[in-house]
All heavy atoms as atom14 arrays in JSON, in Angstrom:
{
  "sequence": "IDGAGARILTDPCDPAVGYGNNGAECDAVTVSHGHHDHNWTQKCPAD",
  "atom14_mask": [
    [1, 1, 1, 1, 1, 1, 1, 1, 0, 0, 0, 0, 0, 0],
    [1, 1, 1, 1, 1, 1, 1, 1, 0, 0, 0, 0, 0, 0],
    [1, 1, 1, 1, 0, 0, 0, 0, 0, 0, 0, 0, 0, 0],
    [1, 1, 1, 1, 1, 0, 0, 0, 0, 0, 0, 0, 0, 0],
    [1, 1, 1, 1, 0, 0, 0, 0, 0, 0, 0, 0, 0, 0],
    [1, 1, 1, 1, 1, 0, 0, 0, 0, 0, 0, 0, 0, 0],
    [1, 1, 1, 1, 1, 1, 1, 1, 1, 1, 1, 0, 0, 0],
    [1, 1, 1, 1, 1, 1, 1, 1, 0, 0, 0, 0, 0, 0],
    [1, 1, 1, 1, 1, 1, 1, 1, 0, 0, 0, 0, 0, 0],
    [1, 1, 1, 1, 1, 1, 1, 0, 0, 0, 0, 0, 0, 0],
    [1, 1, 1, 1, 1, 1, 1, 1, 0, 0, 0, 0, 0, 0],
    [1, 1, 1, 1, 1, 1, 1, 0, 0, 0, 0, 0, 0, 0],
    [1, 1, 1, 1, 1, 1, 0, 0, 0, 0, 0, 0, 0, 0],
    [1, 1, 1, 1, 1, 1, 1, 1, 0, 0, 0, 0, 0, 0],
    [1, 1, 1, 1, 1, 1, 1, 0, 0, 0, 0, 0, 0, 0],
    [1, 1, 1, 1, 1, 0, 0, 0, 0, 0, 0, 0, 0, 0],
    [1, 1, 1, 1, 1, 1, 1, 0, 0, 0, 0, 0, 0, 0],
    [1, 1, 1, 1, 0, 0, 0, 0, 0, 0, 0, 0, 0, 0],
    [1, 1, 1, 1, 1, 1, 1, 1, 1, 1, 1, 1, 0, 0],
    [1, 1, 1, 1, 0, 0, 0, 0, 0, 0, 0, 0, 0, 0],
    [1, 1, 1, 1, 1, 1, 1, 1, 0, 0, 0, 0, 0, 0],
    [1, 1, 1, 1, 1, 1, 1, 1, 0, 0, 0, 0, 0, 0],
    [1, 1, 1, 1, 0, 0, 0, 0, 0, 0, 0, 0, 0, 0],
    [1, 1, 1, 1, 1, 0, 0, 0, 0, 0, 0, 0, 0, 0],
    [1, 1, 1, 1, 1, 1, 1, 1, 1, 0, 0, 0, 0, 0],
    [1, 1, 1, 1, 1, 1, 0, 0, 0, 0, 0, 0, 0, 0],
    [1, 1, 1, 1, 1, 1, 1, 1, 0, 0, 0, 0, 0, 0],
    [1, 1, 1, 1, 1, 0, 0, 0, 0, 0, 0, 0, 0, 0],
    [1, 1, 1, 1, 1, 1, 1, 0, 0, 0, 0, 0, 0, 0],
    [1, 1, 1, 1, 1, 1, 1, 0, 0, 0, 0, 0, 0, 0],
    [1, 1, 1, 1, 1, 1, 1, 0, 0, 0, 0, 0, 0, 0],
    [1, 1, 1, 1, 1, 1, 0, 0, 0, 0, 0, 0, 0, 0],
    [1, 1, 1, 1, 1, 1, 1, 1, 1, 1, 0, 0, 0, 0],
    [1, 1, 1, 1, 0, 0, 0, 0, 0, 0, 0, 0, 0, 0],
    [1, 1, 1, 1, 1, 1, 1, 1, 1, 1, 0, 0, 0, 0],
    [1, 1, 1, 1, 1, 1, 1, 1, 1, 1, 0, 0, 0, 0],
    [1, 1, 1, 1, 1, 1, 1, 1, 0, 0, 0, 0, 0, 0],
    [1, 1, 1, 1, 1, 1, 1, 1, 1, 1, 0, 0, 0, 0],
    [1, 1, 1, 1, 1, 1, 1, 1, 0, 0, 0, 0, 0, 0],
    [1, 1, 1, 1, 1, 1, 1, 1, 1, 1, 1, 1, 1, 1],
    [1, 1, 1, 1, 1, 1, 1, 0, 0, 0, 0, 0, 0, 0],
    [1, 1, 1, 1, 1, 1, 1, 1, 1, 0, 0, 0, 0, 0],
    [1, 1, 1, 1, 1, 1, 1, 1, 1, 0, 0, 0, 0, 0],
    [1, 1, 1, 1, 1, 1, 0, 0, 0, 0, 0, 0, 0, 0],
    [1, 1, 1, 1, 1, 1, 1, 0, 0, 0, 0, 0, 0, 0],
    [1, 1, 1, 1, 1, 0, 0, 0, 0, 0, 0, 0, 0, 0],
    [1, 1, 1, 1, 1, 1, 1, 1, 0, 0, 0, 0, 0, 0]
  ],
  "atom14_positions": [
    [[-1.7, 26.89, -7.08], [-0.74, 26.65, -8.16], [-1.5, 26.53, -9.47], [-2.39, 25.67, -9.6], [0.06, 25.36, -7.89], [0.7, 25.41, -6.5], [1.13, 25.16, -8.97], [1.26, 24.09, -6.02], [0.0, 0.0, 0.0], [0.0, 0.0, 0.0], [0.0, 0.0, 0.0], [0.0, 0.0, 0.0], [0.0, 0.0, 0.0], [0.0, 0.0, 0.0]],
    [[-1.18, 27.39, -10.43], [-1.92, 27.35, -11.69], [-1.26, 26.4, -12.69], [-0.22, 25.79, -12.41], [-2.13, 28.76, -12.27], [-0.88, 29.38, -12.88], [0.16, 28.7, -12.99], [-0.95, 30.56, -13.27], [0.0, 0.0, 0.0], [0.0, 0.0, 0.0], [0.0, 0.0, 0.0], [0.0, 0.0, 0.0], [0.0, 0.0, 0.0], [0.0, 0.0, 0.0]],
    [[-1.91, 26.26, -13.83], [-1.44, 25.31, -14.83], [-0.07, 25.62, -15.39], [0.62, 24.73, -15.89], [0.0, 0.0, 0.0], [0.0, 0.0, 0.0], [0.0, 0.0, 0.0], [0.0, 0.0, 0.0], [0.0, 0.0, 0.0], [0.0, 0.0, 0.0], [0.0, 0.0, 0.0], [0.0, 0.0, 0.0], [0.0, 0.0, 0.0], [0.0, 0.0, 0.0]],
    [[0.34, 26.89, -15.31], [1.66, 27.28, -15.79], [2.73, 27.15, -14.71], [3.91, 27.43, -14.96], [1.62, 28.72, -16.31], [0.0, 0.0, 0.0], [0.0, 0.0, 0.0], [0.0, 0.0, 0.0], [0.0, 0.0, 0.0], [0.0, 0.0, 0.0], [0.0, 0.0, 0.0], [0.0, 0.0, 0.0], [0.0, 0.0, 0.0], [0.0, 0.0, 0.0]],
    [[2.3, 26.77, -13.49], [3.26, 26.59, -12.39], [3.41, 27.8, -11.48], [4.2, 27.76, -10.54], [0.0, 0.0, 0.0], [0.0, 0.0, 0.0], [0.0, 0.0, 0.0], [0.0, 0.0, 0.0], [0.0, 0.0, 0.0], [0.0, 0.0, 0.0], [0.0, 0.0, 0.0], [0.0, 0.0, 0.0], [0.0, 0.0, 0.0], [0.0, 0.0, 0.0]],
    [[2.66, 28.89, -11.73], [2.72, 30.05, -10.84], [2.17, 29.67, -9.47], [1.14, 29.01, -9.36], [1.92, 31.21, -11.43], [0.0, 0.0, 0.0], [0.0, 0.0, 0.0], [0.0, 0.0, 0.0], [0.0, 0.0, 0.0], [0.0, 0.0, 0.0], [0.0, 0.0, 0.0], [0.0, 0.0, 0.0], [0.0, 0.0, 0.0], [0.0, 0.0, 0.0]],
    [[2.87, 30.1, -8.4], [2.53, 29.68, -7.05], [2.24, 30.88, -6.16], [3.1, 31.75, -5.99], [3.68, 28.87, -6.45], [4.08, 27.65, -7.27], [5.47, 27.17, -6.89], [6.48, 28.2, -7.14], [7.78, 28.05, -6.88], [8.23, 26.91, -6.38], [8.64, 29.02, -7.15], [0.0, 0.0, 0.0], [0.0, 0.0, 0.0], [0.0, 0.0, 0.0]],
    [[1.05, 30.89, -5.58], [0.69, 31.91, -4.61], [0.49, 31.25, -3.26], [-0.16, 30.21, -3.15], [-0.59, 32.66, -5.04], [-0.3, 33.55, -6.25], [-1.13, 33.5, -3.89], [-1.45, 34.43, -6.66], [0.0, 0.0, 0.0], [0.0, 0.0, 0.0], [0.0, 0.0, 0.0], [0.0, 0.0, 0.0], [0.0, 0.0, 0.0], [0.0, 0.0, 0.0]],
    [[1.05, 31.85, -2.22], [0.86, 31.39, -0.85], [-0.03, 32.39, -0.13], [0.11, 33.61, -0.32], [2.21, 31.29, -0.14], [2.23, 30.58, 1.21], [2.06, 29.08, 1.02], [3.53, 30.88, 1.96], [0.0, 0.0, 0.0], [0.0, 0.0, 0.0], [0.0, 0.0, 0.0], [0.0, 0.0, 0.0], [0.0, 0.0, 0.0], [0.0, 0.0, 0.0]],
    [[-0.95, 31.9, 0.7], [-1.84, 32.79, 1.45], [-1.5, 32.75, 2.94], [-1.24, 31.68, 3.49], [-3.31, 32.38, 1.28], [-3.53, 31.1, 1.89], [-3.7, 32.31, -0.19], [0.0, 0.0, 0.0], [0.0, 0.0, 0.0], [0.0, 0.0, 0.0], [0.0, 0.0, 0.0], [0.0, 0.0, 0.0], [0.0, 0.0, 0.0], [0.0, 0.0, 0.0]],
    [[-1.49, 33.9, 3.56], [-1.35, 34.05, 5.02], [-0.35, 33.07, 5.64], [-0.72, 32.18, 6.42], [-2.72, 33.89, 5.68], [-3.52, 35.18, 5.68], [-3.17, 36.08, 4.9], [-4.49, 35.3, 6.44], [0.0, 0.0, 0.0], [0.0, 0.0, 0.0], [0.0, 0.0, 0.0], [0.0, 0.0, 0.0], [0.0, 0.0, 0.0], [0.0, 0.0, 0.0]],
    [[0.93, 33.22, 5.33], [1.94, 32.31, 5.88], [1.98, 32.38, 7.41], [1.98, 33.45, 8.01], [3.25, 32.82, 5.27], [2.99, 34.24, 4.91], [1.54, 34.29, 4.52], [0.0, 0.0, 0.0], [0.0, 0.0, 0.0], [0.0, 0.0, 0.0], [0.0, 0.0, 0.0], [0.0, 0.0, 0.0], [0.0, 0.0, 0.0], [0.0, 0.0, 0.0]],
    [[2.01, 31.21, 8.02], [1.87, 31.08, 9.47], [3.24, 30.95, 10.14], [4.11, 30.21, 9.65], [1.01, 29.85, 9.76], [0.64, 29.59, 11.49], [0.0, 0.0, 0.0], [0.0, 0.0, 0.0], [0.0, 0.0, 0.0], [0.0, 0.0, 0.0], [0.0, 0.0, 0.0], [0.0, 0.0, 0.0], [0.0, 0.0, 0.0], [0.0, 0.0, 0.0]],
    [[3.43, 31.63, 11.24], [4.63, 31.49, 12.06], [4.83, 30.01, 12.41], [3.93, 29.37, 12.96], [4.44, 32.32, 13.33], [5.64, 32.32, 14.24], [6.55, 31.49, 14.06], [5.67, 33.14, 15.17], [0.0, 0.0, 0.0], [0.0, 0.0, 0.0], [0.0, 0.0, 0.0], [0.0, 0.0, 0.0], [0.0, 0.0, 0.0], [0.0, 0.0, 0.0]],
    [[5.98, 29.43, 12.11], [6.21, 28.02, 12.43], [6.03, 27.71, 13.91], [5.74, 26.57, 14.28], [7.67, 27.8, 12.0], [7.9, 28.81, 10.93], [7.11, 30.02, 11.35], [0.0, 0.0, 0.0], [0.0, 0.0, 0.0], [0.0, 0.0, 0.0], [0.0, 0.0, 0.0], [0.0, 0.0, 0.0], [0.0, 0.0, 0.0], [0.0, 0.0, 0.0]],
    [[6.16, 28.72, 14.78], [5.99, 28.5, 16.22], [4.58, 28.04, 16.57], [4.36, 27.43, 17.62], [6.31, 29.78, 16.99], [0.0, 0.0, 0.0], [0.0, 0.0, 0.0], [0.0, 0.0, 0.0], [0.0, 0.0, 0.0], [0.0, 0.0, 0.0], [0.0, 0.0, 0.0], [0.0, 0.0, 0.0], [0.0, 0.0, 0.0], [0.0, 0.0, 0.0]],
    [[3.61, 28.31, 15.69], [2.25, 27.85, 15.92], [2.19, 26.32, 15.9], [1.38, 25.71, 16.6], [1.28, 28.46, 14.89], [-0.12, 27.87, 15.02], [1.22, 29.98, 15.06], [0.0, 0.0, 0.0], [0.0, 0.0, 0.0], [0.0, 0.0, 0.0], [0.0, 0.0, 0.0], [0.0, 0.0, 0.0], [0.0, 0.0, 0.0], [0.0, 0.0, 0.0]],
    [[3.07, 25.7, 15.09], [3.15, 24.25, 15.12], [2.86, 23.52, 13.83], [2.85, 22.28, 13.8], [0.0, 0.0, 0.0], [0.0, 0.0, 0.0], [0.0, 0.0, 0.0], [0.0, 0.0, 0.0], [0.0, 0.0, 0.0], [0.0, 0.0, 0.0], [0.0, 0.0, 0.0], [0.0, 0.0, 0.0], [0.0, 0.0, 0.0], [0.0, 0.0, 0.0]],
    [[2.65, 24.25, 12.74], [2.32, 23.59, 11.47], [3.53, 23.34, 10.57], [3.4, 23.23, 9.36], [1.27, 24.41, 10.71], [-0.11, 24.31, 11.31], [-0.66, 25.39, 11.98], [-0.85, 23.14, 11.21], [-1.94, 25.31, 12.54], [-2.11, 23.05, 11.77], [-2.65, 24.13, 12.43], [-3.9, 24.04, 12.99], [0.0, 0.0, 0.0], [0.0, 0.0, 0.0]],
    [[4.7, 23.27, 11.16], [5.89, 22.95, 10.37], [6.86, 24.11, 10.32], [6.48, 25.29, 10.37], [0.0, 0.0, 0.0], [0.0, 0.0, 0.0], [0.0, 0.0, 0.0], [0.0, 0.0, 0.0], [0.0, 0.0, 0.0], [0.0, 0.0, 0.0], [0.0, 0.0, 0.0], [0.0, 0.0, 0.0], [0.0, 0.0, 0.0], [0.0, 0.0, 0.0]],
    [[8.15, 23.78, 10.23], [9.21, 24.78, 10.27], [9.92, 24.97, 8.95], [10.88, 25.73, 8.86], [10.24, 24.38, 11.34], [9.66, 24.4, 12.73], [9.1, 25.41, 13.15], [9.77, 23.3, 13.45], [0.0, 0.0, 0.0], [0.0, 0.0, 0.0], [0.0, 0.0, 0.0], [0.0, 0.0, 0.0], [0.0, 0.0, 0.0], [0.0, 0.0, 0.0]],
    [[9.49, 24.27, 7.91], [10.17, 24.35, 6.63], [9.79, 25.61, 5.86], [8.77, 26.24, 6.13], [9.85, 23.13, 5.77], [10.41, 21.85, 6.38], [11.44, 21.89, 7.04], [9.73, 20.75, 6.17], [0.0, 0.0, 0.0], [0.0, 0.0, 0.0], [0.0, 0.0, 0.0], [0.0, 0.0, 0.0], [0.0, 0.0, 0.0], [0.0, 0.0, 0.0]],
    [[10.62, 25.96, 4.88], [10.33, 27.1, 4.03], [9.16, 26.83, 3.11], [8.7, 25.69, 2.96], [0.0, 0.0, 0.0], [0.0, 0.0, 0.0], [0.0, 0.0, 0.0], [0.0, 0.0, 0.0], [0.0, 0.0, 0.0], [0.0, 0.0, 0.0], [0.0, 0.0, 0.0], [0.0, 0.0, 0.0], [0.0, 0.0, 0.0], [0.0, 0.0, 0.0]],
    [[8.66, 27.87, 2.5], [7.48, 27.77, 1.64], [7.83, 28.28, 0.25], [8.08, 29.47, 0.07], [6.33, 28.58, 2.23], [0.0, 0.0, 0.0], [0.0, 0.0, 0.0], [0.0, 0.0, 0.0], [0.0, 0.0, 0.0], [0.0, 0.0, 0.0], [0.0, 0.0, 0.0], [0.0, 0.0, 0.0], [0.0, 0.0, 0.0], [0.0, 0.0, 0.0]],
    [[7.86, 27.39, -0.74], [8.14, 27.8, -2.11], [6.94, 28.52, -2.69], [5.83, 27.99, -2.69], [8.49, 26.58, -2.95], [9.84, 25.96, -2.62], [10.98, 26.95, -2.84], [10.95, 27.65, -3.87], [11.88, 27.02, -1.99], [0.0, 0.0, 0.0], [0.0, 0.0, 0.0], [0.0, 0.0, 0.0], [0.0, 0.0, 0.0], [0.0, 0.0, 0.0]],
    [[7.14, 29.74, -3.16], [6.06, 30.51, -3.78], [6.67, 31.63, -4.6], [7.84, 32.01, -4.42], [5.11, 31.07, -2.72], [5.87, 32.22, -1.56], [0.0, 0.0, 0.0], [0.0, 0.0, 0.0], [0.0, 0.0, 0.0], [0.0, 0.0, 0.0], [0.0, 0.0, 0.0], [0.0, 0.0, 0.0], [0.0, 0.0, 0.0], [0.0, 0.0, 0.0]],
    [[5.87, 32.16, -5.52], [6.28, 33.3, -6.33], [5.68, 34.6, -5.8], [6.22, 35.68, -6.02], [5.84, 33.09, -7.78], [6.4, 31.79, -8.34], [7.63, 31.64, -8.38], [5.59, 30.91, -8.72], [0.0, 0.0, 0.0], [0.0, 0.0, 0.0], [0.0, 0.0, 0.0], [0.0, 0.0, 0.0], [0.0, 0.0, 0.0], [0.0, 0.0, 0.0]],
    [[4.53, 34.49, -5.13], [3.86, 35.64, -4.53], [3.15, 35.16, -3.28], [2.81, 33.98, -3.15], [2.87, 36.29, -5.5], [0.0, 0.0, 0.0], [0.0, 0.0, 0.0], [0.0, 0.0, 0.0], [0.0, 0.0, 0.0], [0.0, 0.0, 0.0], [0.0, 0.0, 0.0], [0.0, 0.0, 0.0], [0.0, 0.0, 0.0], [0.0, 0.0, 0.0]],
    [[2.9, 36.09, -2.36], [2.26, 35.74, -1.1], [1.28, 36.84, -0.71], [1.59, 38.03, -0.83], [3.31, 35.51, 0.01], [4.25, 36.69, 0.15], [2.65, 35.21, 1.36], [0.0, 0.0, 0.0], [0.0, 0.0, 0.0], [0.0, 0.0, 0.0], [0.0, 0.0, 0.0], [0.0, 0.0, 0.0], [0.0, 0.0, 0.0], [0.0, 0.0, 0.0]],
    [[0.07, 36.45, -0.31], [-0.91, 37.42, 0.17], [-0.94, 37.39, 1.7], [-0.83, 36.32, 2.31], [-2.32, 37.14, -0.38], [-2.78, 35.86, 0.1], [-2.31, 37.13, -1.9], [0.0, 0.0, 0.0], [0.0, 0.0, 0.0], [0.0, 0.0, 0.0], [0.0, 0.0, 0.0], [0.0, 0.0, 0.0], [0.0, 0.0, 0.0], [0.0, 0.0, 0.0]],
    [[-1.12, 38.57, 2.29], [-1.14, 38.71, 3.75], [-2.38, 39.5, 4.13], [-2.56, 40.64, 3.7], [0.13, 39.43, 4.25], [0.04, 39.7, 5.75], [1.37, 38.61, 3.92], [0.0, 0.0, 0.0], [0.0, 0.0, 0.0], [0.0, 0.0, 0.0], [0.0, 0.0, 0.0], [0.0, 0.0, 0.0], [0.0, 0.0, 0.0], [0.0, 0.0, 0.0]],
    [[-3.23, 38.91, 4.96], [-4.49, 39.56, 5.31], [-4.35, 40.61, 6.41], [-5.12, 41.57, 6.46], [-5.52, 38.51, 5.74], [-5.12, 37.86, 6.93], [0.0, 0.0, 0.0], [0.0, 0.0, 0.0], [0.0, 0.0, 0.0], [0.0, 0.0, 0.0], [0.0, 0.0, 0.0], [0.0, 0.0, 0.0], [0.0, 0.0, 0.0], [0.0, 0.0, 0.0]],
    [[-3.4, 40.41, 7.32], [-3.21, 41.36, 8.41], [-1.89, 41.06, 9.11], [-1.23, 40.07, 8.79], [-4.38, 41.33, 9.4], [-4.56, 40.04, 10.11], [-4.97, 38.89, 9.48], [-4.38, 39.7, 11.41], [-5.05, 37.91, 10.35], [-4.68, 38.37, 11.53], [0.0, 0.0, 0.0], [0.0, 0.0, 0.0], [0.0, 0.0, 0.0], [0.0, 0.0, 0.0]],
    [[-1.53, 41.88, 10.08], [-0.18, 41.84, 10.64], [0.03, 40.95, 11.84], [0.97, 41.2, 12.59], [0.0, 0.0, 0.0], [0.0, 0.0, 0.0], [0.0, 0.0, 0.0], [0.0, 0.0, 0.0], [0.0, 0.0, 0.0], [0.0, 0.0, 0.0], [0.0, 0.0, 0.0], [0.0, 0.0, 0.0], [0.0, 0.0, 0.0], [0.0, 0.0, 0.0]],
    [[-0.77, 39.93, 12.05], [-0.55, 39.02, 13.17], [0.37, 37.88, 12.74], [0.32, 37.41, 11.59], [-1.88, 38.47, 13.68], [-2.71, 39.53, 14.34], [-4.05, 39.37, 14.61], [-2.4, 40.78, 14.78], [-4.53, 40.46, 15.19], [-3.55, 41.33, 15.29], [0.0, 0.0, 0.0], [0.0, 0.0, 0.0], [0.0, 0.0, 0.0], [0.0, 0.0, 0.0]],
    [[1.19, 37.38, 13.67], [2.28, 36.46, 13.33], [1.81, 35.13, 12.74], [2.57, 34.46, 12.05], [3.14, 36.2, 14.57], [2.49, 35.3, 15.58], [2.84, 33.99, 15.75], [1.49, 35.55, 16.48], [2.1, 33.45, 16.71], [1.27, 34.38, 17.16], [0.0, 0.0, 0.0], [0.0, 0.0, 0.0], [0.0, 0.0, 0.0], [0.0, 0.0, 0.0]],
    [[0.57, 34.75, 13.01], [0.06, 33.5, 12.45], [-0.53, 33.69, 11.05], [-1.13, 32.77, 10.49], [-0.96, 32.85, 13.37], [-2.09, 33.77, 13.79], [-1.9, 35.0, 13.81], [-3.2, 33.27, 14.1], [0.0, 0.0, 0.0], [0.0, 0.0, 0.0], [0.0, 0.0, 0.0], [0.0, 0.0, 0.0], [0.0, 0.0, 0.0], [0.0, 0.0, 0.0]],
    [[-0.32, 34.89, 10.47], [-0.83, 35.18, 9.12], [0.17, 35.95, 8.25], [-0.08, 36.1, 7.06], [-2.12, 35.99, 9.2], [-3.26, 35.25, 9.8], [-4.22, 34.61, 9.05], [-3.59, 35.02, 11.09], [-5.11, 34.03, 9.86], [-4.74, 34.26, 11.1], [0.0, 0.0, 0.0], [0.0, 0.0, 0.0], [0.0, 0.0, 0.0], [0.0, 0.0, 0.0]],
    [[1.26, 36.45, 8.82], [2.14, 37.33, 8.04], [3.61, 36.91, 8.09], [4.5, 37.72, 7.87], [2.02, 38.77, 8.55], [2.73, 39.0, 9.88], [3.01, 38.05, 10.62], [3.01, 40.25, 10.21], [0.0, 0.0, 0.0], [0.0, 0.0, 0.0], [0.0, 0.0, 0.0], [0.0, 0.0, 0.0], [0.0, 0.0, 0.0], [0.0, 0.0, 0.0]],
    [[3.87, 35.61, 8.31], [5.25, 35.16, 8.51], [5.93, 34.95, 7.16], [6.25, 33.83, 6.75], [5.26, 33.88, 9.34], [6.57, 33.63, 10.02], [7.54, 32.75, 9.64], [7.06, 34.29, 11.19], [8.6, 32.8, 10.5], [8.35, 33.75, 11.46], [6.56, 35.29, 12.02], [9.11, 34.16, 12.55], [7.32, 35.7, 13.09], [8.58, 35.14, 13.34]],
    [[6.19, 36.06, 6.46], [6.77, 35.98, 5.12], [8.24, 35.55, 5.15], [8.82, 35.29, 4.1], [6.64, 37.32, 4.39], [7.26, 38.35, 5.17], [5.17, 37.68, 4.17], [0.0, 0.0, 0.0], [0.0, 0.0, 0.0], [0.0, 0.0, 0.0], [0.0, 0.0, 0.0], [0.0, 0.0, 0.0], [0.0, 0.0, 0.0], [0.0, 0.0, 0.0]],
    [[8.82, 35.46, 6.33], [10.22, 34.99, 6.44], [10.39, 33.59, 5.89], [11.49, 33.2, 5.5], [10.66, 35.01, 7.91], [10.76, 36.4, 8.53], [9.51, 36.8, 9.26], [8.41, 36.59, 8.76], [9.67, 37.39, 10.43], [0.0, 0.0, 0.0], [0.0, 0.0, 0.0], [0.0, 0.0, 0.0], [0.0, 0.0, 0.0], [0.0, 0.0, 0.0]],
    [[9.3, 32.8, 5.86], [9.42, 31.44, 5.34], [9.41, 31.39, 3.81], [9.65, 30.35, 3.22], [8.29, 30.56, 5.89], [6.91, 30.9, 5.35], [5.88, 29.84, 5.68], [5.7, 29.61, 7.16], [4.6, 28.66, 7.45], [0.0, 0.0, 0.0], [0.0, 0.0, 0.0], [0.0, 0.0, 0.0], [0.0, 0.0, 0.0], [0.0, 0.0, 0.0]],
    [[9.14, 32.53, 3.18], [9.03, 32.6, 1.72], [10.38, 32.97, 1.1], [11.24, 33.56, 1.75], [8.0, 33.64, 1.32], [6.36, 33.35, 2.01], [0.0, 0.0, 0.0], [0.0, 0.0, 0.0], [0.0, 0.0, 0.0], [0.0, 0.0, 0.0], [0.0, 0.0, 0.0], [0.0, 0.0, 0.0], [0.0, 0.0, 0.0], [0.0, 0.0, 0.0]],
    [[10.59, 32.66, -0.18], [11.81, 33.09, -0.85], [11.96, 34.61, -0.82], [10.96, 35.34, -0.8], [11.61, 32.6, -2.3], [10.64, 31.47, -2.18], [9.72, 31.84, -1.05], [0.0, 0.0, 0.0], [0.0, 0.0, 0.0], [0.0, 0.0, 0.0], [0.0, 0.0, 0.0], [0.0, 0.0, 0.0], [0.0, 0.0, 0.0], [0.0, 0.0, 0.0]],
    [[13.18, 35.07, -0.82], [13.43, 36.51, -0.7], [12.84, 37.3, -1.85], [12.51, 38.48, -1.7], [14.94, 36.76, -0.62], [0.0, 0.0, 0.0], [0.0, 0.0, 0.0], [0.0, 0.0, 0.0], [0.0, 0.0, 0.0], [0.0, 0.0, 0.0], [0.0, 0.0, 0.0], [0.0, 0.0, 0.0], [0.0, 0.0, 0.0], [0.0, 0.0, 0.0]],
    [[12.71, 36.66, -3.03], [12.19, 37.39, -4.19], [10.67, 37.22, -4.38], [10.12, 37.68, -5.38], [12.91, 36.97, -5.46], [12.78, 35.48, -5.76], [12.26, 34.73, -4.91], [13.21, 35.06, -6.86], [0.0, 0.0, 0.0], [0.0, 0.0, 0.0], [0.0, 0.0, 0.0], [0.0, 0.0, 0.0], [0.0, 0.0, 0.0], [0.0, 0.0, 0.0]]
  ]
}
């Protein structure tokens, strides 16, 4: 999160792994590869 409030999320994890089931507030998201513990963008806002 930068000083202007811009939010980047990295490698969103499938909630089934166990680190929480809530959504993730972010403006952009980076994904390193297509495995479910790194690419679960469903938790991110649609935009």
